[in-house]
């Protein structure tokens, strides 16, 4: 019987996985897509303003879905090296990846007037709040 366990886990494995994850497999060209989309959500009386960081993503590869108060952001990156005619291929690197994030807002969004703009790796969303009718309704019990 051994005094030391046969499997290793813990601090050193976690540290190695964090360091090795991006260090050894990092693409040599372009940026890899982040593991998570970082967002900042601001609220005013009329709307939500959302900034999402999506560096290295083409505008056509970003998708925003809104369902009531649920916002879903999806992004895909497709990068590959270009070769000139007559070059001998010694190494060819490609990177394909996708990331998505969903979150709920406190109030539903008016999708007809919502807008999105993408500039310099930042997605800017303006999501007006849906105005709820102030009249209440009493249900008749049957």
N, C-alpha and C. Protein backbone atom coordinates (compact mmCIF):
# COMPACT_ATOMS: atom_id res chain seq x y z
N UNK A 1 0.85 -1.17 0.00
CA UNK A 1 0.00 0.00 0.00
C UNK A 1 0.90 1.24 0.00
N UNK A 2 0.59 2.18 -0.86
CA UNK A 2 1.40 3.39 -1.01
C UNK A 2 0.87 4.51 -0.13
N UNK A 3 1.80 5.30 0.38
CA UNK A 3 1.40 6.45 1.18
C UNK A 3 0.95 7.62 0.31
N UNK A 4 1.34 7.61 -0.95
CA UNK A 4 1.01 8.70 -1.86
C UNK A 4 -0.04 8.23 -2.87
N UNK A 5 -1.04 9.03 -3.12
CA UNK A 5 -2.06 8.61 -4.09
C UNK A 5 -1.48 8.50 -5.49
N UNK A 6 -2.04 7.61 -6.29
CA UNK A 6 -1.52 7.40 -7.64
C UNK A 6 -1.98 8.45 -8.63
N UNK A 7 -3.05 9.14 -8.34
CA UNK A 7 -3.53 10.18 -9.24
C UNK A 7 -3.17 11.54 -8.69
N UNK A 8 -2.82 12.44 -9.60
CA UNK A 8 -2.49 13.80 -9.18
C UNK A 8 -3.61 14.73 -9.62
N UNK A 9 -3.98 15.59 -8.76
CA UNK A 9 -4.91 16.65 -9.11
C UNK A 9 -4.72 17.75 -8.11
N UNK A 10 -5.21 18.88 -8.46
CA UNK A 10 -5.10 19.98 -7.52
C UNK A 10 -4.43 21.19 -8.12
N UNK A 11 -3.73 21.88 -7.29
CA UNK A 11 -3.16 23.17 -7.65
C UNK A 11 -2.23 23.09 -8.85
N UNK A 12 -1.29 22.12 -8.87
CA UNK A 12 -0.31 22.06 -9.95
C UNK A 12 -0.95 21.67 -11.28
N UNK A 13 -1.90 20.73 -11.24
CA UNK A 13 -2.58 20.36 -12.48
C UNK A 13 -3.39 21.52 -13.03
N UNK A 14 -4.10 22.23 -12.15
CA UNK A 14 -4.88 23.38 -12.59
C UNK A 14 -3.98 24.45 -13.18
N UNK A 15 -2.85 24.70 -12.53
CA UNK A 15 -1.91 25.70 -13.02
C UNK A 15 -1.34 25.30 -14.37
N UNK A 16 -0.95 24.03 -14.52
CA UNK A 16 -0.40 23.56 -15.79
C UNK A 16 -1.44 23.66 -16.90
N UNK A 17 -2.68 23.27 -16.62
CA UNK A 17 -3.73 23.33 -17.63
C UNK A 17 -4.00 24.76 -18.07
N UNK A 18 -3.98 25.71 -17.14
CA UNK A 18 -4.19 27.11 -17.49
C UNK A 18 -3.05 27.64 -18.36
N UNK A 19 -1.82 27.33 -17.98
CA UNK A 19 -0.66 27.83 -18.73
C UNK A 19 -0.55 27.12 -20.07
N UNK A 20 -0.68 25.82 -20.09
CA UNK A 20 -0.50 25.05 -21.33
C UNK A 20 -1.63 25.26 -22.31
N UNK A 21 -2.81 25.59 -21.82
CA UNK A 21 -3.97 25.72 -22.70
C UNK A 21 -3.74 26.75 -23.79
N UNK A 22 -3.26 27.93 -23.47
CA UNK A 22 -3.06 28.95 -24.48
C UNK A 22 -1.63 29.06 -24.95
N UNK A 23 -0.67 28.50 -24.23
CA UNK A 23 0.74 28.69 -24.55
C UNK A 23 1.19 27.81 -25.70
N UNK A 24 0.88 26.53 -25.65
CA UNK A 24 1.39 25.60 -26.64
C UNK A 24 0.55 25.52 -27.91
N UNK A 25 -0.72 25.83 -27.85
CA UNK A 25 -1.60 25.63 -28.98
C UNK A 25 -2.05 26.95 -29.60
N UNK A 26 -1.49 28.05 -29.18
CA UNK A 26 -1.90 29.36 -29.65
C UNK A 26 -1.60 29.50 -31.14
N UNK A 27 -2.56 29.98 -31.95
CA UNK A 27 -2.32 30.15 -33.37
C UNK A 27 -1.21 31.16 -33.62
N UNK A 28 -0.43 30.94 -34.67
CA UNK A 28 0.65 31.85 -35.01
C UNK A 28 0.18 33.06 -35.78
N UNK A 29 -1.02 33.03 -36.29
CA UNK A 29 -1.56 34.14 -37.05
C UNK A 29 -2.91 34.53 -36.48
N UNK A 30 -3.15 35.80 -36.31
CA UNK A 30 -4.45 36.26 -35.84
C UNK A 30 -4.68 35.94 -34.38
N UNK A 31 -5.85 36.31 -33.91
CA UNK A 31 -6.20 36.10 -32.52
C UNK A 31 -7.15 34.92 -32.40
N UNK A 32 -6.96 34.14 -31.37
CA UNK A 32 -7.90 33.08 -31.07
C UNK A 32 -9.12 33.69 -30.40
N UNK A 33 -10.26 33.09 -30.59
CA UNK A 33 -11.48 33.57 -29.98
C UNK A 33 -11.43 33.34 -28.48
N UNK A 34 -11.85 34.32 -27.68
CA UNK A 34 -11.80 34.11 -26.23
C UNK A 34 -12.76 33.01 -25.80
N UNK A 35 -12.50 32.43 -24.63
CA UNK A 35 -13.35 31.36 -24.12
C UNK A 35 -14.72 31.88 -23.73
N UNK A 36 -14.81 33.15 -23.40
CA UNK A 36 -16.07 33.74 -22.98
C UNK A 36 -16.17 35.15 -23.55
N UNK A 37 -17.37 35.54 -23.91
CA UNK A 37 -17.60 36.89 -24.40
C UNK A 37 -17.77 37.80 -23.18
N UNK A 38 -16.92 38.80 -23.09
CA UNK A 38 -17.01 39.74 -21.97
C UNK A 38 -17.99 40.85 -22.35
N UNK A 39 -18.94 41.12 -21.46
CA UNK A 39 -19.96 42.13 -21.73
C UNK A 39 -20.03 43.14 -20.60
N UNK A 40 -20.50 44.32 -20.97
CA UNK A 40 -20.84 45.35 -19.99
C UNK A 40 -22.26 45.78 -20.32
N UNK A 41 -23.15 45.71 -19.33
CA UNK A 41 -24.56 46.05 -19.53
C UNK A 41 -24.87 47.30 -18.72
N UNK A 42 -25.35 48.33 -19.39
CA UNK A 42 -25.78 49.56 -18.73
C UNK A 42 -27.28 49.71 -18.93
N UNK A 43 -27.94 50.33 -17.97
CA UNK A 43 -29.39 50.49 -18.04
C UNK A 43 -29.75 51.95 -17.83
N UNK A 44 -30.67 52.43 -18.67
CA UNK A 44 -31.29 53.74 -18.46
C UNK A 44 -32.79 53.50 -18.28
N UNK A 45 -33.56 54.57 -18.15
CA UNK A 45 -35.00 54.40 -17.99
C UNK A 45 -35.65 53.81 -19.23
N UNK A 46 -35.06 54.08 -20.41
CA UNK A 46 -35.68 53.66 -21.68
C UNK A 46 -35.08 52.42 -22.30
N UNK A 47 -33.77 52.14 -22.04
CA UNK A 47 -33.12 51.08 -22.79
C UNK A 47 -31.94 50.48 -22.03
N UNK A 48 -31.47 49.35 -22.57
CA UNK A 48 -30.24 48.72 -22.12
C UNK A 48 -29.17 48.97 -23.18
N UNK A 49 -27.96 49.30 -22.76
CA UNK A 49 -26.82 49.45 -23.66
C UNK A 49 -25.83 48.35 -23.31
N UNK A 50 -25.46 47.57 -24.30
CA UNK A 50 -24.57 46.43 -24.07
C UNK A 50 -23.34 46.57 -24.96
N UNK A 51 -22.17 46.39 -24.36
CA UNK A 51 -20.91 46.34 -25.09
C UNK A 51 -20.35 44.94 -24.92
N UNK A 52 -20.05 44.27 -26.03
CA UNK A 52 -19.48 42.93 -25.99
C UNK A 52 -18.16 42.92 -26.75
N UNK A 53 -17.12 42.36 -26.14
CA UNK A 53 -15.81 42.30 -26.77
C UNK A 53 -15.72 41.05 -27.64
N UNK A 54 -15.49 41.27 -28.96
CA UNK A 54 -15.36 40.18 -29.92
C UNK A 54 -14.20 40.48 -30.88
N UNK A 55 -12.97 40.54 -30.39
CA UNK A 55 -11.85 40.88 -31.27
C UNK A 55 -11.57 39.78 -32.29
N UNK A 56 -11.24 40.19 -33.51
CA UNK A 56 -10.87 39.25 -34.55
C UNK A 56 -12.03 38.54 -35.21
N UNK A 57 -13.25 38.97 -34.95
CA UNK A 57 -14.44 38.32 -35.52
C UNK A 57 -14.98 39.20 -36.64
N UNK A 58 -15.32 38.61 -37.77
CA UNK A 58 -15.94 39.34 -38.87
C UNK A 58 -17.39 39.66 -38.52
N UNK A 59 -17.86 40.80 -38.98
CA UNK A 59 -19.22 41.24 -38.67
C UNK A 59 -20.26 40.20 -39.09
N UNK A 60 -20.04 39.54 -40.23
CA UNK A 60 -21.00 38.56 -40.72
C UNK A 60 -21.03 37.27 -39.89
N UNK A 61 -20.03 37.08 -39.03
CA UNK A 61 -19.97 35.88 -38.20
C UNK A 61 -20.48 36.10 -36.79
N UNK A 62 -21.15 37.23 -36.56
CA UNK A 62 -21.73 37.54 -35.25
C UNK A 62 -23.25 37.44 -35.38
N UNK A 63 -23.87 36.77 -34.44
CA UNK A 63 -25.33 36.62 -34.44
C UNK A 63 -25.87 37.01 -33.08
N UNK A 64 -26.91 37.83 -33.09
CA UNK A 64 -27.58 38.28 -31.86
C UNK A 64 -29.03 37.84 -31.94
N UNK A 65 -29.48 37.08 -30.96
CA UNK A 65 -30.87 36.64 -30.88
C UNK A 65 -31.48 37.20 -29.61
N UNK A 66 -32.71 37.71 -29.74
CA UNK A 66 -33.43 38.26 -28.59
C UNK A 66 -34.79 37.57 -28.52
N UNK A 67 -35.10 37.02 -27.35
CA UNK A 67 -36.38 36.37 -27.12
C UNK A 67 -36.92 36.87 -25.78
N UNK A 68 -37.79 37.88 -25.84
CA UNK A 68 -38.31 38.49 -24.62
C UNK A 68 -37.22 39.26 -23.91
N UNK A 69 -36.76 38.73 -22.77
CA UNK A 69 -35.67 39.37 -22.04
C UNK A 69 -34.37 38.56 -22.11
N UNK A 70 -34.35 37.49 -22.92
CA UNK A 70 -33.18 36.64 -23.08
C UNK A 70 -32.38 37.10 -24.31
N UNK A 71 -31.11 37.44 -24.09
CA UNK A 71 -30.21 37.88 -25.16
C UNK A 71 -29.15 36.81 -25.35
N UNK A 72 -28.95 36.37 -26.60
CA UNK A 72 -27.93 35.37 -26.91
C UNK A 72 -26.98 35.94 -27.95
N UNK A 73 -25.69 35.92 -27.64
CA UNK A 73 -24.65 36.37 -28.55
C UNK A 73 -23.86 35.15 -29.01
N UNK A 74 -23.64 35.03 -30.33
CA UNK A 74 -22.85 33.93 -30.89
C UNK A 74 -21.83 34.51 -31.85
N UNK A 75 -20.62 33.95 -31.85
CA UNK A 75 -19.56 34.41 -32.75
C UNK A 75 -18.75 33.22 -33.23
N UNK A 76 -18.32 33.29 -34.50
CA UNK A 76 -17.48 32.25 -35.09
C UNK A 76 -16.24 32.90 -35.70
N UNK A 77 -15.11 32.22 -35.58
CA UNK A 77 -13.87 32.69 -36.20
C UNK A 77 -13.39 31.60 -37.16
N UNK A 78 -13.07 32.04 -38.38
CA UNK A 78 -12.51 31.14 -39.39
C UNK A 78 -11.26 31.81 -39.93
N UNK A 79 -10.11 31.34 -39.50
CA UNK A 79 -8.85 31.91 -39.96
C UNK A 79 -8.01 30.82 -40.61
N UNK A 80 -7.37 31.16 -41.71
CA UNK A 80 -6.44 30.23 -42.33
C UNK A 80 -5.39 31.03 -43.09
N UNK A 81 -4.22 30.42 -43.22
CA UNK A 81 -3.11 31.07 -43.91
C UNK A 81 -3.37 31.09 -45.40
N UNK A 82 -2.89 32.15 -46.04
CA UNK A 82 -2.98 32.21 -47.50
C UNK A 82 -1.63 31.83 -48.08
N UNK A 83 -1.63 31.14 -49.18
CA UNK A 83 -0.41 30.68 -49.84
C UNK A 83 -0.32 31.32 -51.22
N UNK A 84 0.88 31.73 -51.62
CA UNK A 84 1.09 32.25 -52.97
C UNK A 84 1.40 31.08 -53.89
N UNK A 85 1.12 31.27 -55.18
CA UNK A 85 1.41 30.22 -56.14
C UNK A 85 2.91 29.98 -56.20
N UNK A 86 3.28 28.74 -56.28
CA UNK A 86 4.68 28.38 -56.36
C UNK A 86 5.32 28.14 -55.01
N UNK A 87 4.66 28.49 -53.92
CA UNK A 87 5.21 28.24 -52.59
C UNK A 87 5.04 26.77 -52.23
N UNK A 88 6.04 26.25 -51.56
CA UNK A 88 5.95 24.89 -51.05
C UNK A 88 5.38 24.96 -49.64
N UNK A 89 4.34 24.20 -49.39
CA UNK A 89 3.70 24.24 -48.08
C UNK A 89 4.52 23.41 -47.09
N UNK A 90 5.08 24.10 -46.11
CA UNK A 90 5.81 23.43 -45.05
C UNK A 90 4.95 23.28 -43.80
N UNK A 91 4.05 24.23 -43.62
CA UNK A 91 3.17 24.22 -42.46
C UNK A 91 1.90 24.98 -42.85
N UNK A 92 0.76 24.43 -42.53
CA UNK A 92 -0.51 25.10 -42.81
C UNK A 92 -1.32 25.11 -41.52
N UNK A 93 -1.69 26.30 -41.09
CA UNK A 93 -2.45 26.42 -39.85
C UNK A 93 -3.83 26.99 -40.13
N UNK A 94 -4.78 26.41 -39.45
CA UNK A 94 -6.16 26.89 -39.55
C UNK A 94 -6.73 26.96 -38.14
N UNK A 95 -7.63 27.90 -37.94
CA UNK A 95 -8.29 28.00 -36.64
C UNK A 95 -9.77 28.22 -36.89
N UNK A 96 -10.57 27.34 -36.36
CA UNK A 96 -12.02 27.47 -36.41
C UNK A 96 -12.53 27.36 -34.98
N UNK A 97 -13.36 28.28 -34.59
CA UNK A 97 -13.89 28.22 -33.25
C UNK A 97 -15.17 29.02 -33.13
N UNK A 98 -15.92 28.74 -32.10
CA UNK A 98 -17.14 29.50 -31.85
C UNK A 98 -17.33 29.65 -30.36
N UNK A 99 -18.04 30.69 -30.01
CA UNK A 99 -18.34 30.97 -28.62
C UNK A 99 -19.73 31.58 -28.57
N UNK A 100 -20.45 31.34 -27.49
CA UNK A 100 -21.77 31.94 -27.34
C UNK A 100 -22.00 32.27 -25.87
N UNK A 101 -22.90 33.19 -25.68
CA UNK A 101 -23.24 33.60 -24.31
C UNK A 101 -24.69 34.06 -24.30
N UNK A 102 -25.41 33.65 -23.27
CA UNK A 102 -26.80 34.07 -23.08
C UNK A 102 -26.94 34.66 -21.70
N UNK A 103 -27.78 35.68 -21.60
CA UNK A 103 -28.08 36.27 -20.30
C UNK A 103 -29.45 36.91 -20.37
N UNK A 104 -30.07 37.02 -19.18
CA UNK A 104 -31.40 37.60 -19.08
C UNK A 104 -31.31 39.03 -18.57
N UNK A 105 -32.14 39.89 -19.14
CA UNK A 105 -32.27 41.26 -18.68
C UNK A 105 -33.47 41.35 -17.75
N UNK A 106 -33.53 42.34 -16.89
CA UNK A 106 -34.65 42.45 -15.95
C UNK A 106 -36.00 42.69 -16.63
N UNK A 107 -35.98 43.25 -17.84
CA UNK A 107 -37.23 43.58 -18.52
C UNK A 107 -37.14 43.15 -19.97
N UNK A 108 -38.28 42.86 -20.59
CA UNK A 108 -38.30 42.44 -21.99
C UNK A 108 -37.84 43.56 -22.91
N UNK A 109 -37.33 43.17 -24.08
CA UNK A 109 -36.77 44.10 -25.06
C UNK A 109 -37.76 44.31 -26.20
N UNK A 110 -37.84 45.54 -26.67
CA UNK A 110 -38.64 45.89 -27.84
C UNK A 110 -37.79 45.59 -29.08
N UNK A 111 -37.99 44.41 -29.67
CA UNK A 111 -37.11 43.94 -30.75
C UNK A 111 -37.23 44.76 -32.03
N UNK A 112 -38.38 45.38 -32.25
CA UNK A 112 -38.58 46.14 -33.49
C UNK A 112 -37.67 47.36 -33.58
N UNK A 113 -37.30 47.94 -32.45
CA UNK A 113 -36.47 49.15 -32.46
C UNK A 113 -35.06 48.91 -31.92
N UNK A 114 -34.71 47.66 -31.65
CA UNK A 114 -33.37 47.33 -31.17
C UNK A 114 -32.37 47.51 -32.31
N UNK A 115 -31.12 47.86 -31.95
CA UNK A 115 -30.09 48.07 -32.97
C UNK A 115 -28.77 47.49 -32.50
N UNK A 116 -27.91 47.17 -33.50
CA UNK A 116 -26.58 46.62 -33.21
C UNK A 116 -25.57 47.27 -34.15
N UNK A 117 -24.37 47.51 -33.60
CA UNK A 117 -23.28 48.11 -34.38
C UNK A 117 -21.99 47.42 -33.96
N UNK A 118 -21.13 47.09 -34.93
CA UNK A 118 -19.86 46.43 -34.65
C UNK A 118 -18.73 47.28 -35.19
N UNK A 119 -17.80 47.65 -34.29
CA UNK A 119 -16.71 48.52 -34.68
C UNK A 119 -15.49 48.23 -33.81
N UNK A 120 -14.34 48.00 -34.46
CA UNK A 120 -13.06 47.79 -33.77
C UNK A 120 -13.12 46.69 -32.71
N UNK A 121 -13.80 45.58 -33.03
CA UNK A 121 -13.85 44.45 -32.11
C UNK A 121 -14.86 44.55 -30.99
N UNK A 122 -15.65 45.63 -30.99
CA UNK A 122 -16.66 45.83 -29.95
C UNK A 122 -18.05 45.83 -30.59
N UNK A 123 -18.92 44.98 -30.08
CA UNK A 123 -20.32 44.94 -30.50
C UNK A 123 -21.12 45.83 -29.56
N UNK A 124 -21.82 46.81 -30.12
CA UNK A 124 -22.64 47.73 -29.33
C UNK A 124 -24.11 47.46 -29.62
N UNK A 125 -24.85 47.12 -28.59
CA UNK A 125 -26.29 46.86 -28.72
C UNK A 125 -27.07 47.93 -27.98
N UNK A 126 -28.11 48.44 -28.60
CA UNK A 126 -29.06 49.33 -27.95
C UNK A 126 -30.40 48.61 -27.96
N UNK A 127 -30.86 48.24 -26.78
CA UNK A 127 -32.07 47.43 -26.64
C UNK A 127 -33.11 48.18 -25.83
N UNK A 128 -34.06 48.84 -26.52
CA UNK A 128 -35.12 49.56 -25.80
C UNK A 128 -35.99 48.60 -24.98
N UNK A 129 -36.41 49.09 -23.83
CA UNK A 129 -37.27 48.29 -22.96
C UNK A 129 -38.69 48.28 -23.51
N UNK A 130 -39.32 47.13 -23.42
CA UNK A 130 -40.72 47.03 -23.83
C UNK A 130 -41.56 47.67 -22.74
N UNK A 131 -42.40 48.60 -23.13
CA UNK A 131 -43.25 49.30 -22.16
C UNK A 131 -44.45 48.43 -21.85
N UNK A 132 -44.57 48.09 -20.61
CA UNK A 132 -45.68 47.26 -20.16
C UNK A 132 -46.91 48.14 -19.94
N UNK A 133 -48.08 47.67 -20.33
CA UNK A 133 -49.29 48.45 -20.06
C UNK A 133 -49.51 48.60 -18.57
N UNK A 134 -49.89 49.80 -18.17
CA UNK A 134 -50.06 50.07 -16.74
C UNK A 134 -51.40 49.58 -16.20
N UNK A 135 -52.34 49.28 -17.07
CA UNK A 135 -53.64 48.81 -16.61
C UNK A 135 -53.54 47.36 -16.15
N UNK A 136 -54.17 47.10 -15.04
CA UNK A 136 -54.18 45.74 -14.55
C UNK A 136 -55.46 45.04 -15.02
N UNK A 137 -55.45 43.74 -14.99
CA UNK A 137 -56.59 42.97 -15.45
C UNK A 137 -56.96 41.98 -14.38
N UNK A 138 -58.24 41.94 -14.04
CA UNK A 138 -58.72 40.99 -13.06
C UNK A 138 -59.23 39.77 -13.80
N UNK A 139 -58.77 38.60 -13.38
CA UNK A 139 -59.22 37.36 -13.99
C UNK A 139 -60.48 36.87 -13.32
N UNK A 140 -61.40 36.41 -14.16
CA UNK A 140 -62.64 35.87 -13.63
C UNK A 140 -62.43 34.39 -13.36
N UNK A 141 -62.80 33.97 -12.18
CA UNK A 141 -62.61 32.58 -11.79
C UNK A 141 -63.83 31.79 -12.20
N UNK A 142 -63.58 30.67 -12.87
CA UNK A 142 -64.69 29.83 -13.35
C UNK A 142 -64.81 28.59 -12.54
